[in-house]
């Protein structure tokens, strides 16, 4: 019974990070993502490509348990940058704040630090 709970805990933790991370990676590769990078974040729009690709690649690595601790550490770095970018908007996700990247970063940290 303990093995079942361990499996379900691991699966739920992975899915909590993989689903939104893959979605956000695809969004970064879209025209809307590039527009946001250019207008809201005031970065070059081409930066959305490597970030989107890294988010998708890391989400697949985490889902399929391929170097998932390394992928989680990479996600933690990306989410640290996202928190810094969204810090000016406050905490609430309703105002595009840093709440959501902080949560994803903490999930990635917990995955990177486990056995």
PDB file of N, CA and C in Angstrom:
ATOM      1  N   UNK A   1       0.817  -1.193   0.000  1.00  0.00           N
ATOM      2  CA  UNK A   1       0.000   0.000   0.000  1.00  0.00           C
ATOM      3  C   UNK A   1       0.864   1.262   0.000  1.00  0.00           C
ATOM      4  N   UNK A   2       1.975   1.195   0.698  1.00  0.00           N
ATOM      5  CA  UNK A   2       2.876   2.350   0.762  1.00  0.00           C
ATOM      6  C   UNK A   2       3.449   2.684  -0.614  1.00  0.00           C
ATOM      7  N   UNK A   3       3.722   1.666  -1.405  1.00  0.00           N
ATOM      8  CA  UNK A   3       4.252   1.870  -2.760  1.00  0.00           C
ATOM      9  C   UNK A   3       3.227   2.586  -3.648  1.00  0.00           C
ATOM     10  N   UNK A   4       1.962   2.271  -3.463  1.00  0.00           N
ATOM     11  CA  UNK A   4       0.914   2.916  -4.255  1.00  0.00           C
ATOM     12  C   UNK A   4       0.848   4.406  -3.918  1.00  0.00           C
ATOM     13  N   UNK A   5       0.904   4.726  -2.602  1.00  0.00           N
ATOM     14  CA  UNK A   5       0.877   6.132  -2.199  1.00  0.00           C
ATOM     15  C   UNK A   5       2.116   6.872  -2.692  1.00  0.00           C
ATOM     16  N   UNK A   6       3.254   6.215  -2.664  1.00  0.00           N
ATOM     17  CA  UNK A   6       4.485   6.831  -3.163  1.00  0.00           C
ATOM     18  C   UNK A   6       4.380   7.105  -4.667  1.00  0.00           C
ATOM     19  N   UNK A   7       3.829   6.141  -5.410  1.00  0.00           N
ATOM     20  CA  UNK A   7       3.645   6.314  -6.846  1.00  0.00           C
ATOM     21  C   UNK A   7       2.690   7.462  -7.142  1.00  0.00           C
ATOM     22  N   UNK A   8       1.544   7.511  -6.453  1.00  0.00           N
ATOM     23  CA  UNK A   8       0.555   8.565  -6.675  1.00  0.00           C
ATOM     24  C   UNK A   8       1.089   9.940  -6.282  1.00  0.00           C
ATOM     25  N   UNK A   9       1.868   9.986  -5.211  1.00  0.00           N
ATOM     26  CA  UNK A   9       2.480  11.245  -4.800  1.00  0.00           C
ATOM     27  C   UNK A   9       3.458  11.744  -5.857  1.00  0.00           C
ATOM     28  N   UNK A  10       4.277  10.849  -6.351  1.00  0.00           N
ATOM     29  CA  UNK A  10       5.244  11.203  -7.395  1.00  0.00           C
ATOM     30  C   UNK A  10       4.536  11.650  -8.668  1.00  0.00           C
ATOM     31  N   UNK A  11       3.519  10.922  -9.064  1.00  0.00           N
ATOM     32  CA  UNK A  11       2.777  11.249 -10.281  1.00  0.00           C
ATOM     33  C   UNK A  11       2.081  12.605 -10.165  1.00  0.00           C
ATOM     34  N   UNK A  12       1.443  12.868  -9.032  1.00  0.00           N
ATOM     35  CA  UNK A  12       0.743  14.141  -8.871  1.00  0.00           C
ATOM     36  C   UNK A  12       1.712  15.318  -8.848  1.00  0.00           C
ATOM     37  N   UNK A  13       2.880  15.131  -8.252  1.00  0.00           N
ATOM     38  CA  UNK A  13       3.890  16.179  -8.237  1.00  0.00           C
ATOM     39  C   UNK A  13       4.405  16.460  -9.645  1.00  0.00           C
ATOM     40  N   UNK A  14       4.651  15.405 -10.394  1.00  0.00           N
ATOM     41  CA  UNK A  14       5.113  15.569 -11.779  1.00  0.00           C
ATOM     42  C   UNK A  14       4.066  16.283 -12.631  1.00  0.00           C
ATOM     43  N   UNK A  15       2.820  15.839 -12.539  1.00  0.00           N
ATOM     44  CA  UNK A  15       1.758  16.439 -13.347  1.00  0.00           C
ATOM     45  C   UNK A  15       1.485  17.887 -12.954  1.00  0.00           C
ATOM     46  N   UNK A  16       1.657  18.211 -11.669  1.00  0.00           N
ATOM     47  CA  UNK A  16       1.448  19.584 -11.218  1.00  0.00           C
ATOM     48  C   UNK A  16       2.443  20.538 -11.863  1.00  0.00           C
ATOM     49  N   UNK A  17       3.593  20.039 -12.258  1.00  0.00           N
ATOM     50  CA  UNK A  17       4.592  20.872 -12.913  1.00  0.00           C
ATOM     51  C   UNK A  17       4.572  20.717 -14.425  1.00  0.00           C
ATOM     52  N   UNK A  18       4.383  19.502 -14.911  1.00  0.00           N
ATOM     53  CA  UNK A  18       4.494  19.220 -16.345  1.00  0.00           C
ATOM     54  C   UNK A  18       3.371  19.878 -17.153  1.00  0.00           C
ATOM     55  N   UNK A  19       2.149  19.779 -16.703  1.00  0.00           N
ATOM     56  CA  UNK A  19       1.026  20.297 -17.491  1.00  0.00           C
ATOM     57  C   UNK A  19       1.130  21.808 -17.713  1.00  0.00           C
ATOM     58  N   UNK A  20       1.267  22.622 -16.667  1.00  0.00           N
ATOM     59  CA  UNK A  20       1.362  24.062 -16.935  1.00  0.00           C
ATOM     60  C   UNK A  20       2.667  24.456 -17.614  1.00  0.00           C
ATOM     61  N   UNK A  21       3.748  23.732 -17.340  1.00  0.00           N
ATOM     62  CA  UNK A  21       5.033  24.062 -17.953  1.00  0.00           C
ATOM     63  C   UNK A  21       5.009  23.805 -19.453  1.00  0.00           C
ATOM     64  N   UNK A  22       4.442  22.684 -19.872  1.00  0.00           N
ATOM     65  CA  UNK A  22       4.341  22.393 -21.304  1.00  0.00           C
ATOM     66  C   UNK A  22       3.416  23.400 -21.988  1.00  0.00           C
ATOM     67  N   UNK A  23       2.303  23.726 -21.362  1.00  0.00           N
ATOM     68  CA  UNK A  23       1.386  24.716 -21.927  1.00  0.00           C
ATOM     69  C   UNK A  23       2.077  26.064 -22.095  1.00  0.00           C
ATOM     70  N   UNK A  24       2.807  26.484 -21.072  1.00  0.00           N
ATOM     71  CA  UNK A  24       3.487  27.774 -21.131  1.00  0.00           C
ATOM     72  C   UNK A  24       4.613  27.763 -22.162  1.00  0.00           C
ATOM     73  N   UNK A  25       5.274  26.635 -22.327  1.00  0.00           N
ATOM     74  CA  UNK A  25       6.305  26.524 -23.355  1.00  0.00           C
ATOM     75  C   UNK A  25       5.724  26.692 -24.751  1.00  0.00           C
ATOM     76  N   UNK A  26       4.584  26.060 -24.992  1.00  0.00           N
ATOM     77  CA  UNK A  26       3.911  26.210 -26.291  1.00  0.00           C
ATOM     78  C   UNK A  26       3.457  27.655 -26.477  1.00  0.00           C
ATOM     79  N   UNK A  27       2.961  28.271 -25.417  1.00  0.00           N
ATOM     80  CA  UNK A  27       2.529  29.671 -25.498  1.00  0.00           C
ATOM     81  C   UNK A  27       3.711  30.578 -25.832  1.00  0.00           C
ATOM     82  N   UNK A  28       4.870  30.307 -25.235  1.00  0.00           N
ATOM     83  CA  UNK A  28       6.060  31.112 -25.539  1.00  0.00           C
ATOM     84  C   UNK A  28       6.454  31.014 -27.003  1.00  0.00           C
ATOM     85  N   UNK A  29       6.205  29.887 -27.619  1.00  0.00           N
ATOM     86  CA  UNK A  29       6.555  29.706 -29.023  1.00  0.00           C
ATOM     87  C   UNK A  29       5.522  30.321 -29.968  1.00  0.00           C
ATOM     88  N   UNK A  30       4.368  30.718 -29.428  1.00  0.00           N
ATOM     89  CA  UNK A  30       3.302  31.288 -30.268  1.00  0.00           C
ATOM     90  C   UNK A  30       3.546  32.778 -30.503  1.00  0.00           C
ATOM     91  N   UNK A  31       2.750  33.341 -31.382  1.00  0.00           N
ATOM     92  CA  UNK A  31       2.853  34.778 -31.673  1.00  0.00           C
ATOM     93  C   UNK A  31       2.465  35.613 -30.452  1.00  0.00           C
ATOM     94  N   UNK A  32       1.496  35.146 -29.674  1.00  0.00           N
ATOM     95  CA  UNK A  32       1.100  35.871 -28.462  1.00  0.00           C
ATOM     96  C   UNK A  32       2.246  35.941 -27.457  1.00  0.00           C
ATOM     97  N   UNK A  33       2.962  34.846 -27.319  1.00  0.00           N
ATOM     98  CA  UNK A  33       4.099  34.819 -26.407  1.00  0.00           C
ATOM     99  C   UNK A  33       5.194  35.774 -26.840  1.00  0.00           C
ATOM    100  N   UNK A  34       5.467  35.796 -28.124  1.00  0.00           N
ATOM    101  CA  UNK A  34       6.496  36.711 -28.630  1.00  0.00           C
ATOM    102  C   UNK A  34       6.089  38.165 -28.443  1.00  0.00           C
ATOM    103  N   UNK A  35       4.814  38.466 -28.654  1.00  0.00           N
ATOM    104  CA  UNK A  35       4.322  39.825 -28.447  1.00  0.00           C
ATOM    105  C   UNK A  35       4.462  40.229 -26.985  1.00  0.00           C
ATOM    106  N   UNK A  36       4.124  39.317 -26.075  1.00  0.00           N
ATOM    107  CA  UNK A  36       4.250  39.626 -24.650  1.00  0.00           C
ATOM    108  C   UNK A  36       5.699  39.901 -24.292  1.00  0.00           C
ATOM    109  N   UNK A  37       6.613  39.068 -24.778  1.00  0.00           N
ATOM    110  CA  UNK A  37       8.024  39.266 -24.466  1.00  0.00           C
ATOM    111  C   UNK A  37       8.498  40.635 -24.925  1.00  0.00           C
ATOM    112  N   UNK A  38       8.008  41.072 -26.053  1.00  0.00           N
ATOM    113  CA  UNK A  38       8.462  42.341 -26.615  1.00  0.00           C
ATOM    114  C   UNK A  38       7.803  43.542 -25.937  1.00  0.00           C
ATOM    115  N   UNK A  39       6.499  43.478 -25.704  1.00  0.00           N
ATOM    116  CA  UNK A  39       5.783  44.646 -25.186  1.00  0.00           C
ATOM    117  C   UNK A  39       5.749  44.705 -23.662  1.00  0.00           C
ATOM    118  N   UNK A  40       5.407  43.617 -23.010  1.00  0.00           N
ATOM    119  CA  UNK A  40       5.260  43.623 -21.552  1.00  0.00           C
ATOM    120  C   UNK A  40       6.584  43.453 -20.826  1.00  0.00           C
ATOM    121  N   UNK A  41       7.371  42.460 -21.238  1.00  0.00           N
ATOM    122  CA  UNK A  41       8.625  42.174 -20.545  1.00  0.00           C
ATOM    123  C   UNK A  41       9.763  43.048 -21.045  1.00  0.00           C
ATOM    124  N   UNK A  42       9.581  43.653 -22.194  1.00  0.00           N
ATOM    125  CA  UNK A  42      10.588  44.516 -22.804  1.00  0.00           C
ATOM    126  C   UNK A  42      11.899  43.781 -23.080  1.00  0.00           C
ATOM    127  N   UNK A  43      11.771  42.538 -23.496  1.00  0.00           N
ATOM    128  CA  UNK A  43      12.913  41.742 -23.953  1.00  0.00           C
ATOM    129  C   UNK A  43      12.783  41.566 -25.459  1.00  0.00           C
ATOM    130  N   UNK A  44      13.830  41.085 -26.061  1.00  0.00           N
ATOM    131  CA  UNK A  44      13.757  40.749 -27.477  1.00  0.00           C
ATOM    132  C   UNK A  44      12.806  39.569 -27.649  1.00  0.00           C
ATOM    133  N   UNK A  45      11.962  39.622 -28.666  1.00  0.00           N
ATOM    134  CA  UNK A  45      10.944  38.575 -28.831  1.00  0.00           C
ATOM    135  C   UNK A  45      11.560  37.226 -29.176  1.00  0.00           C
ATOM    136  N   UNK A  46      12.764  37.209 -29.739  1.00  0.00           N
ATOM    137  CA  UNK A  46      13.394  35.936 -30.071  1.00  0.00           C
ATOM    138  C   UNK A  46      13.744  35.135 -28.819  1.00  0.00           C
ATOM    139  N   UNK A  47      13.821  35.778 -27.657  1.00  0.00           N
ATOM    140  CA  UNK A  47      14.123  35.063 -26.420  1.00  0.00           C
ATOM    141  C   UNK A  47      13.011  34.100 -26.018  1.00  0.00           C
ATOM    142  N   UNK A  48      11.821  34.306 -26.565  1.00  0.00           N
ATOM    143  CA  UNK A  48      10.721  33.393 -26.233  1.00  0.00           C
ATOM    144  C   UNK A  48      10.973  32.002 -26.814  1.00  0.00           C
ATOM    145  N   UNK A  49      11.740  31.906 -27.893  1.00  0.00           N
ATOM    146  CA  UNK A  49      12.015  30.598 -28.494  1.00  0.00           C
ATOM    147  C   UNK A  49      12.852  29.687 -27.595  1.00  0.00           C
ATOM    148  N   UNK A  50      14.036  30.120 -27.125  1.00  0.00           N
ATOM    149  CA  UNK A  50      14.786  29.201 -26.262  1.00  0.00           C
ATOM    150  C   UNK A  50      14.066  28.882 -24.952  1.00  0.00           C
ATOM    151  N   UNK A  51      13.396  29.880 -24.373  1.00  0.00           N
ATOM    152  CA  UNK A  51      12.680  29.630 -23.120  1.00  0.00           C
ATOM    153  C   UNK A  51      11.542  28.639 -23.353  1.00  0.00           C
ATOM    154  N   UNK A  52      10.778  28.825 -24.422  1.00  0.00           N
ATOM    155  CA  UNK A  52       9.691  27.897 -24.734  1.00  0.00           C
ATOM    156  C   UNK A  52      10.191  26.492 -24.997  1.00  0.00           C
ATOM    157  N   UNK A  53      11.276  26.393 -25.759  1.00  0.00           N
ATOM    158  CA  UNK A  53      11.844  25.065 -26.043  1.00  0.00           C
ATOM    159  C   UNK A  53      12.342  24.401 -24.769  1.00  0.00           C
ATOM    160  N   UNK A  54      13.002  25.162 -23.911  1.00  0.00           N
ATOM    161  CA  UNK A  54      13.512  24.595 -22.653  1.00  0.00           C
ATOM    162  C   UNK A  54      12.353  24.137 -21.770  1.00  0.00           C
ATOM    163  N   UNK A  55      11.281  24.927 -21.713  1.00  0.00           N
ATOM    164  CA  UNK A  55      10.127  24.527 -20.897  1.00  0.00           C
ATOM    165  C   UNK A  55       9.495  23.238 -21.414  1.00  0.00           C
ATOM    166  N   UNK A  56       9.362  23.115 -22.708  1.00  0.00           N
ATOM    167  CA  UNK A  56       8.780  21.890 -23.276  1.00  0.00           C
ATOM    168  C   UNK A  56       9.709  20.704 -23.061  1.00  0.00           C
ATOM    169  N   UNK A  57      10.994  20.882 -23.320  1.00  0.00           N
ATOM    170  CA  UNK A  57      11.957  19.787 -23.147  1.00  0.00           C
ATOM    171  C   UNK A  57      12.033  19.334 -21.689  1.00  0.00           C
ATOM    172  N   UNK A  58      12.062  20.280 -20.771  1.00  0.00           N
ATOM    173  CA  UNK A  58      12.116  19.914 -19.352  1.00  0.00           C
ATOM    174  C   UNK A  58      10.822  19.248 -18.901  1.00  0.00           C
ATOM    175  N   UNK A  59       9.690  19.693 -19.413  1.00  0.00           N
ATOM    176  CA  UNK A  59       8.434  19.049 -19.018  1.00  0.00           C
ATOM    177  C   UNK A  59       8.386  17.604 -19.509  1.00  0.00           C
ATOM    178  N   UNK A  60       8.883  17.356 -20.707  1.00  0.00           N
ATOM    179  CA  UNK A  60       8.934  15.972 -21.202  1.00  0.00           C
ATOM    180  C   UNK A  60       9.920  15.129 -20.397  1.00  0.00           C
ATOM    181  N   UNK A  61      11.066  15.713 -20.061  1.00  0.00           N
ATOM    182  CA  UNK A  61      12.059  14.977 -19.263  1.00  0.00           C
ATOM    183  C   UNK A  61      11.501  14.636 -17.884  1.00  0.00           C
ATOM    184  N   UNK A  62      10.792  15.570 -17.276  1.00  0.00           N
ATOM    185  CA  UNK A  62      10.201  15.321 -15.958  1.00  0.00           C
ATOM    186  C   UNK A  62       9.094  14.277 -16.059  1.00  0.00           C
ATOM    187  N   UNK A  63       8.267  14.374 -17.071  1.00  0.00           N
ATOM    188  CA  UNK A  63       7.165  13.421 -17.237  1.00  0.00           C
ATOM    189  C   UNK A  63       7.673  11.997 -17.420  1.00  0.00           C
ATOM    190  N   UNK A  64       8.701  11.834 -18.249  1.00  0.00           N
ATOM    191  CA  UNK A  64       9.202  10.498 -18.551  1.00  0.00           C
ATOM    192  C   UNK A  64      10.395  10.074 -17.697  1.00  0.00           C
ATOM    193  N   UNK A  65      10.697  10.853 -16.649  1.00  0.00           N
ATOM    194  CA  UNK A  65      11.762  10.538 -15.698  1.00  0.00           C
ATOM    195  C   UNK A  65      13.117  10.374 -16.375  1.00  0.00           C
ATOM    196  N   UNK A  66      13.433  11.272 -17.306  1.00  0.00           N
ATOM    197  CA  UNK A  66      14.730  11.270 -17.979  1.00  0.00           C
ATOM    198  C   UNK A  66      15.523  12.437 -17.416  1.00  0.00           C
ATOM    199  N   UNK A  67      16.473  12.147 -16.547  1.00  0.00           N
ATOM    200  CA  UNK A  67      17.269  13.204 -15.903  1.00  0.00           C
ATOM    201  C   UNK A  67      16.351  14.258 -15.290  1.00  0.00           C
ATOM    202  N   UNK A  68      15.341  13.784 -14.574  1.00  0.00           N
ATOM    203  CA  UNK A  68      14.316  14.695 -14.068  1.00  0.00           C
ATOM    204  C   UNK A  68      14.819  15.651 -12.996  1.00  0.00           C
ATOM    205  N   UNK A  69      15.844  15.258 -12.239  1.00  0.00           N
ATOM    206  CA  UNK A  69      16.385  16.184 -11.237  1.00  0.00           C
ATOM    207  C   UNK A  69      17.102  17.344 -11.900  1.00  0.00           C
ATOM    208  N   UNK A  70      17.808  17.064 -12.969  1.00  0.00           N
ATOM    209  CA  UNK A  70      18.493  18.131 -13.708  1.00  0.00           C
ATOM    210  C   UNK A  70      17.452  19.028 -14.375  1.00  0.00           C
ATOM    211  N   UNK A  71      16.452  18.431 -14.997  1.00  0.00           N
ATOM    212  CA  UNK A  71      15.390  19.203 -15.644  1.00  0.00           C
ATOM    213  C   UNK A  71      14.657  20.074 -14.619  1.00  0.00           C
ATOM    214  N   UNK A  72      14.429  19.547 -13.432  1.00  0.00           N
ATOM    215  CA  UNK A  72      13.761  20.329 -12.386  1.00  0.00           C
ATOM    216  C   UNK A  72      14.627  21.511 -11.953  1.00  0.00           C
ATOM    217  N   UNK A  73      15.935  21.295 -11.879  1.00  0.00           N
ATOM    218  CA  UNK A  73      16.843  22.393 -11.521  1.00  0.00           C
ATOM    219  C   UNK A  73      16.831  23.477 -12.600  1.00  0.00           C
ATOM    220  N   UNK A  74      16.764  23.067 -13.863  1.00  0.00           N
ATOM    221  CA  UNK A  74      16.689  24.042 -14.957  1.00  0.00           C
ATOM    222  C   UNK A  74      15.383  24.829 -14.873  1.00  0.00           C
ATOM    223  N   UNK A  75      14.290  24.140 -14.588  1.00  0.00           N
ATOM    224  CA  UNK A  75      12.995  24.819 -14.432  1.00  0.00           C
ATOM    225  C   UNK A  75      13.066  25.805 -13.270  1.00  0.00           C
ATOM    226  N   UNK A  76      13.739  25.428 -12.200  1.00  0.00           N
ATOM    227  CA  UNK A  76      13.893  26.325 -11.052  1.00  0.00           C
ATOM    228  C   UNK A  76      14.612  27.609 -11.463  1.00  0.00           C
ATOM    229  N   UNK A  77      15.637  27.504 -12.287  1.00  0.00           N
ATOM    230  CA  UNK A  77      16.354  28.691 -12.764  1.00  0.00           C
ATOM    231  C   UNK A  77      15.433  29.567 -13.621  1.00  0.00           C
ATOM    232  N   UNK A  78      14.694  28.937 -14.524  1.00  0.00           N
ATOM    233  CA  UNK A  78      13.769  29.700 -15.375  1.00  0.00           C
ATOM    234  C   UNK A  78      12.695  30.386 -14.531  1.00  0.00           C
ATOM    235  N   UNK A  79      12.159  29.679 -13.558  1.00  0.00           N
ATOM    236  CA  UNK A  79      11.115  30.266 -12.723  1.00  0.00           C
ATOM    237  C   UNK A  79      11.674  31.355 -11.809  1.00  0.00           C
ATOM    238  N   UNK A  80      12.931  31.269 -11.431  1.00  0.00           N
ATOM    239  CA  UNK A  80      13.551  32.351 -10.657  1.00  0.00           C
ATOM    240  C   UNK A  80      13.578  33.633 -11.487  1.00  0.00           C
ATOM    241  N   UNK A  81      13.932  33.498 -12.756  1.00  0.00           N
ATOM    242  CA  UNK A  81      13.893  34.654 -13.647  1.00  0.00           C
ATOM    243  C   UNK A  81      12.484  35.167 -13.842  1.00  0.00           C
ATOM    244  N   UNK A  82      11.525  34.263 -13.934  1.00  0.00           N
ATOM    245  CA  UNK A  82      10.125  34.666 -14.110  1.00  0.00           C
ATOM    246  C   UNK A  82       9.607  35.399 -12.875  1.00  0.00           C
ATOM    247  N   UNK A  83       9.997  34.943 -11.694  1.00  0.00           N
ATOM    248  CA  UNK A  83       9.584  35.622 -10.467  1.00  0.00           C
ATOM    249  C   UNK A  83      10.126  37.045 -10.472  1.00  0.00           C
ATOM    250  N   UNK A  84      11.381  37.202 -10.855  1.00  0.00           N
ATOM    251  CA  UNK A  84      11.971  38.545 -10.897  1.00  0.00           C
ATOM    252  C   UNK A  84      11.254  39.440 -11.900  1.00  0.00           C
ATOM    253  N   UNK A  85      10.878  38.883 -13.028  1.00  0.00           N
ATOM    254  CA  UNK A  85      10.178  39.665 -14.048  1.00  0.00           C
ATOM    255  C   UNK A  85       8.776  40.064 -13.582  1.00  0.00           C
ATOM    256  N   UNK A  86       8.093  39.175 -12.879  1.00  0.00           N
ATOM    257  CA  UNK A  86       6.705  39.418 -12.460  1.00  0.00           C
ATOM    258  C   UNK A  86       6.614  40.102 -11.100  1.00  0.00           C
ATOM    259  N   UNK A  87       7.727  40.315 -10.445  1.00  0.00           N
ATOM    260  CA  UNK A  87       7.744  40.910  -9.107  1.00  0.00           C
ATOM    261  C   UNK A  87       7.093  42.291  -9.088  1.00  0.00           C
ATOM    262  N   UNK A  88       7.297  43.055 -10.139  1.00  0.00           N
ATOM    263  CA  UNK A  88       6.756  44.423 -10.202  1.00  0.00           C
ATOM    264  C   UNK A  88       5.230  44.453 -10.215  1.00  0.00           C
ATOM    265  N   UNK A  89       4.591  43.319 -10.563  1.00  0.00           N
ATOM    266  CA  UNK A  89       3.132  43.264 -10.651  1.00  0.00           C
ATOM    267  C   UNK A  89       2.472  42.831  -9.346  1.00  0.00           C
ATOM    268  N   UNK A  90       3.243  42.547  -8.333  1.00  0.00           N
ATOM    269  CA  UNK A  90       2.694  42.113  -7.059  1.00  0.00           C
ATOM    270  C   UNK A  90       2.526  40.601  -6.991  1.00  0.00           C
ATOM    271  N   UNK A  91       1.794  40.149  -5.984  1.00  0.00           N
ATOM    272  CA  UNK A  91       1.680  38.719  -5.718  1.00  0.00           C
ATOM    273  C   UNK A  91       0.575  38.037  -6.508  1.00  0.00           C
ATOM    274  N   UNK A  92      -0.502  38.718  -6.799  1.00  0.00           N
ATOM    275  CA  UNK A  92      -1.694  38.091  -7.356  1.00  0.00           C
ATOM    276  C   UNK A  92      -1.528  37.686  -8.819  1.00  0.00           C
ATOM    277  N   UNK A  93      -1.976  36.487  -9.136  1.00  0.00           N
ATOM    278  CA  UNK A  93      -1.929  36.027 -10.520  1.00  0.00           C
ATOM    279  C   UNK A  93      -2.897  36.811 -11.392  1.00  0.00           C
ATOM    280  N   UNK A  94      -3.898  37.431 -10.790  1.00  0.00           N
ATOM    281  CA  UNK A  94      -4.867  38.208 -11.561  1.00  0.00           C
ATOM    282  C   UNK A  94      -4.228  39.429 -12.214  1.00  0.00           C
ATOM    283  N   UNK A  95      -3.143  39.920 -11.625  1.00  0.00           N
ATOM    284  CA  UNK A  95      -2.424  41.055 -12.210  1.00  0.00           C
ATOM    285  C   UNK A  95      -1.094  40.616 -12.816  1.00  0.00           C
ATOM    286  N   UNK A  96      -1.007  39.326 -13.194  1.00  0.00           N
ATOM    287  CA  UNK A  96       0.216  38.771 -13.780  1.00  0.00           C
ATOM    288  C   UNK A  96       1.380  38.872 -12.795  1.00  0.00           C
ATOM    289  N   UNK A  97       1.086  38.602 -11.537  1.00  0.00           N
ATOM    290  CA  UNK A  97       2.085  38.707 -10.487  1.00  0.00           C
ATOM    291  C   UNK A  97       2.993  37.490 -10.416  1.00  0.00           C
ATOM    292  N   UNK A  98       3.789  37.450  -9.356  1.00  0.00           N
ATOM    293  CA  UNK A  98       4.811  36.408  -9.227  1.00  0.00           C
ATOM    294  C   UNK A  98       4.332  35.157  -8.508  1.00  0.00           C
ATOM    295  N   UNK A  99       3.065  35.097  -8.155  1.00  0.00           N
ATOM    296  CA  UNK A  99       2.519  33.948  -7.422  1.00  0.00           C
ATOM    297  C   UNK A  99       2.697  32.635  -8.186  1.00  0.00           C
ATOM    298  N   UNK A 100       2.306  32.607  -9.455  1.00  0.00           N
ATOM    299  CA  UNK A 100       2.343  31.371 -10.232  1.00  0.00           C
ATOM    300  C   UNK A 100       3.767  30.887 -10.495  1.00  0.00           C
ATOM    301  N   UNK A 101       4.696  31.736 -10.987  1.00  0.00           N
ATOM    302  CA  UNK A 101       6.054  31.221 -11.169  1.00  0.00           C
ATOM    303  C   UNK A 101       6.719  30.814  -9.855  1.00  0.00           C
ATOM    304  N   UNK A 102       6.326  31.458  -8.753  1.00  0.00           N
ATOM    305  CA  UNK A 102       6.870  31.067  -7.454  1.00  0.00           C
ATOM    306  C   UNK A 102       6.429  29.646  -7.089  1.00  0.00           C
ATOM    307  N   UNK A 103       5.157  29.343  -7.302  1.00  0.00           N
ATOM    308  CA  UNK A 103       4.643  28.003  -6.998  1.00  0.00           C
ATOM    309  C   UNK A 103       5.325  26.954  -7.872  1.00  0.00           C
ATOM    310  N   UNK A 104       5.439  27.236  -9.173  1.00  0.00           N
ATOM    311  CA  UNK A 104       6.110  26.280 -10.065  1.00  0.00           C
ATOM    312  C   UNK A 104       7.579  26.113  -9.685  1.00  0.00           C
ATOM    313  N   UNK A 105       8.211  27.194  -9.286  1.00  0.00           N
ATOM    314  CA  UNK A 105       9.608  27.104  -8.850  1.00  0.00           C
ATOM    315  C   UNK A 105       9.767  26.266  -7.593  1.00  0.00           C
ATOM    316  N   UNK A 106       8.832  26.403  -6.669  1.00  0.00           N
ATOM    317  CA  UNK A 106       8.892  25.605  -5.437  1.00  0.00           C
ATOM    318  C   UNK A 106       8.627  24.122  -5.716  1.00  0.00           C
ATOM    319  N   UNK A 107       7.731  23.827  -6.638  1.00  0.00           N
ATOM    320  CA  UNK A 107       7.502  22.432  -7.032  1.00  0.00           C
ATOM    321  C   UNK A 107       8.763  21.875  -7.678  1.00  0.00           C
ATOM    322  N   UNK A 108       9.391  22.665  -8.555  1.00  0.00           N
ATOM    323  CA  UNK A 108      10.633  22.222  -9.204  1.00  0.00           C
ATOM    324  C   UNK A 108      11.736  22.014  -8.171  1.00  0.00           C
ATOM    325  N   UNK A 109      11.810  22.889  -7.176  1.00  0.00           N
ATOM    326  CA  UNK A 109      12.807  22.734  -6.120  1.00  0.00           C
ATOM    327  C   UNK A 109      12.580  21.447  -5.337  1.00  0.00           C
ATOM    328  N   UNK A 110      11.334  21.160  -5.006  1.00  0.00           N
ATOM    329  CA  UNK A 110      11.055  19.934  -4.261  1.00  0.00           C
ATOM    330  C   UNK A 110      11.390  18.692  -5.082  1.00  0.00           C
ATOM    331  N   UNK A 111      11.181  18.756  -6.398  1.00  0.00           N
ATOM    332  CA  UNK A 111      11.522  17.616  -7.252  1.00  0.00           C
ATOM    333  C   UNK A 111      13.031  17.460  -7.402  1.00  0.00           C
ATOM    334  N   UNK A 112      13.749  18.580  -7.456  1.00  0.00           N
ATOM    335  CA  UNK A 112      15.195  18.514  -7.609  1.00  0.00           C
ATOM    336  C   UNK A 112      15.871  18.003  -6.342  1.00  0.00           C
ATOM    337  N   UNK A 113      15.267  18.223  -5.191  1.00  0.00           N
ATOM    338  CA  UNK A 113      15.894  17.853  -3.913  1.00  0.00           C
ATOM    339  C   UNK A 113      15.503  16.470  -3.395  1.00  0.00           C
ATOM    340  N   UNK A 114      14.567  15.788  -4.051  1.00  0.00           N
ATOM    341  CA  UNK A 114      14.156  14.484  -3.501  1.00  0.00           C
ATOM    342  C   UNK A 114      15.169  13.398  -3.828  1.00  0.00           C
ATOM    343  N   UNK A 115      14.947  12.268  -3.200  1.00  0.00           N
ATOM    344  CA  UNK A 115      15.873  11.127  -3.376  1.00  0.00           C
ATOM    345  C   UNK A 115      15.854  10.613  -4.775  1.00  0.00           C
TER     346      UNK A 115
END
